[in-house]
Amino acid sequence: MAHTIQYNDDLQLIVQAVNGVYSTEDAKQMGQQYNILLEGKPYRQIIVDLRNAGKMESRETRSATNQLLNDAQISDIVFVGATAAQRMIAKVLMKLGSLQAESNFVKDMDEAVKWIEKRRK
């Protein structure tokens, strides 16, 4: 798996990078890390870097990803560098209510950090 996931102590959130095709198995592996990385942390937020992402493997992958984000009680997720197609799919899923986290799409990491910090109460 070429994807990465880590907790950034300075930003107090998860930074996940999707590199290449994102499969259902990748989603499950990332999902296992959400609760581990966020245990005892003050915020349940994620920045997802899609600048080097390929396509999502299938509808099952999208469903699994949303379910894992919801199960981890992620409150906010911001996508960096999403393509028009990726934004369209994500917006449809959000409107259908399958993704419960507040979300946004931005062009770069600086915008992502600013958006996340504004979401903190």
Protein backbone atom coordinates (compact mmCIF):
# COMPACT_ATOMS: atom_id res chain seq x y z
CA MET A 1 0.00 0.00 0.00
CA ALA A 2 1.52 3.29 -1.09
CA HIS A 3 -0.94 5.33 0.96
CA THR A 4 0.13 6.95 4.22
CA ILE A 5 -1.63 7.89 7.42
CA GLN A 6 -0.19 9.60 10.47
CA TYR A 7 -1.19 11.73 13.40
CA ASN A 8 0.27 15.24 13.25
CA ASP A 9 0.90 16.36 16.84
CA ASP A 10 1.38 20.02 15.88
CA LEU A 11 -1.95 20.21 14.02
CA GLN A 12 -3.70 17.69 16.32
CA LEU A 13 -5.26 15.73 13.47
CA ILE A 14 -4.73 12.87 11.04
CA VAL A 15 -3.05 13.52 7.72
CA GLN A 16 -3.79 10.84 5.16
CA ALA A 17 -2.28 10.72 1.67
CA VAL A 18 -3.86 8.61 -1.05
CA ASN A 19 -1.32 7.63 -3.69
CA GLY A 20 -2.59 5.73 -6.70
CA VAL A 21 -5.68 3.54 -6.81
CA TYR A 22 -7.59 3.26 -3.52
CA SER A 23 -9.03 -0.20 -2.93
CA THR A 24 -11.54 -1.58 -0.45
CA GLU A 25 -8.68 -3.31 1.36
CA ASP A 26 -6.83 0.04 1.56
CA ALA A 27 -9.96 1.64 3.04
CA LYS A 28 -10.22 -1.08 5.69
CA GLN A 29 -6.56 -0.70 6.64
CA MET A 30 -6.91 3.09 6.92
CA GLY A 31 -10.14 2.72 8.88
CA GLN A 32 -8.41 0.55 11.47
CA GLN A 33 -5.92 3.34 12.04
CA TYR A 34 -8.45 6.14 12.62
CA ASN A 35 -9.46 5.09 16.14
CA ILE A 36 -5.94 4.02 17.08
CA LEU A 37 -4.41 7.34 16.02
CA LEU A 38 -7.21 9.45 17.53
CA GLU A 39 -7.51 7.67 20.87
CA GLY A 40 -7.44 10.27 23.63
CA LYS A 41 -6.99 13.15 21.17
CA PRO A 42 -9.00 16.37 21.44
CA TYR A 43 -10.26 16.46 17.82
CA ARG A 44 -11.51 13.83 15.37
CA GLN A 45 -10.42 15.55 12.17
CA ILE A 46 -8.66 14.43 9.00
CA ILE A 47 -6.90 16.08 6.10
CA VAL A 48 -6.90 13.78 3.07
CA ASP A 49 -4.33 14.61 0.40
CA LEU A 50 -5.65 13.45 -2.98
CA ARG A 51 -3.09 15.19 -5.17
CA ASN A 52 -1.51 11.86 -6.16
CA ALA A 53 -4.63 9.73 -5.94
CA GLY A 54 -5.89 7.44 -8.64
CA LYS A 55 -9.47 6.29 -8.87
CA MET A 56 -11.41 4.60 -6.11
CA GLU A 57 -11.69 0.93 -6.85
CA SER A 58 -15.48 0.58 -6.65
CA ARG A 59 -18.78 1.62 -5.08
CA GLU A 60 -17.97 -0.87 -2.31
CA THR A 61 -14.76 1.06 -1.59
CA ARG A 62 -16.66 4.35 -1.30
CA SER A 63 -19.26 2.78 0.98
CA ALA A 64 -16.60 1.16 3.17
CA THR A 65 -14.68 4.43 3.43
CA ASN A 66 -17.76 6.38 4.50
CA GLN A 67 -18.77 3.72 7.02
CA LEU A 68 -15.29 3.65 8.56
CA LEU A 69 -15.19 7.45 8.84
CA ASN A 70 -18.62 7.42 10.48
CA ASP A 71 -17.66 4.55 12.83
CA ALA A 72 -14.60 6.54 13.93
CA GLN A 73 -16.87 9.54 14.59
CA ILE A 74 -14.79 11.82 12.39
CA SER A 75 -16.23 15.31 12.79
CA ASP A 76 -14.43 17.12 9.98
CA ILE A 77 -12.64 16.02 6.85
CA VAL A 78 -11.00 18.22 4.26
CA PHE A 79 -9.83 16.95 0.88
CA VAL A 80 -6.78 18.53 -0.74
CA GLY A 81 -6.38 18.47 -4.52
CA ALA A 82 -9.49 16.49 -5.45
CA THR A 83 -10.36 16.19 -9.12
CA ALA A 84 -13.74 17.32 -10.40
CA ALA A 85 -14.89 13.69 -10.55
CA GLN A 86 -13.77 13.02 -6.96
CA ARG A 87 -15.58 16.14 -5.73
CA MET A 88 -18.75 15.16 -7.56
CA ILE A 89 -18.80 11.65 -6.07
CA ALA A 90 -18.09 12.95 -2.56
CA LYS A 91 -20.80 15.63 -2.79
CA VAL A 92 -23.38 13.06 -3.87
CA LEU A 93 -22.45 10.83 -0.95
CA MET A 94 -22.67 13.76 1.47
CA LYS A 95 -26.11 14.73 0.19
CA LEU A 96 -27.29 11.16 0.61
CA GLY A 97 -26.17 11.34 4.22
CA SER A 98 -23.76 8.45 4.03
CA LEU A 99 -20.87 10.65 5.20
CA GLN A 100 -21.74 12.31 8.50
CA ALA A 101 -18.60 14.44 8.87
CA GLU A 102 -18.55 18.05 7.78
CA SER A 103 -16.32 18.26 4.74
CA ASN A 104 -14.70 20.63 2.30
CA PHE A 105 -12.48 20.62 -0.77
CA VAL A 106 -9.44 22.87 -1.01
CA LYS A 107 -6.47 23.33 -3.31
CA ASP A 108 -3.57 23.13 -0.86
CA MET A 109 -2.52 22.13 2.64
CA ASP A 110 -2.49 25.71 3.97
CA GLU A 111 -6.16 26.10 3.05
CA ALA A 112 -6.91 22.72 4.61
CA VAL A 113 -5.32 23.67 7.94
CA LYS A 114 -7.16 27.01 8.01
CA TRP A 115 -10.51 25.34 7.33
CA ILE A 116 -9.94 22.68 10.00
CA GLU A 117 -8.88 25.23 12.61
CA LYS A 118 -12.04 27.28 11.98
CA ARG A 119 -14.12 24.16 12.67
CA ARG A 120 -12.72 23.74 16.19
CA LYS A 121 -14.94 24.78 19.02
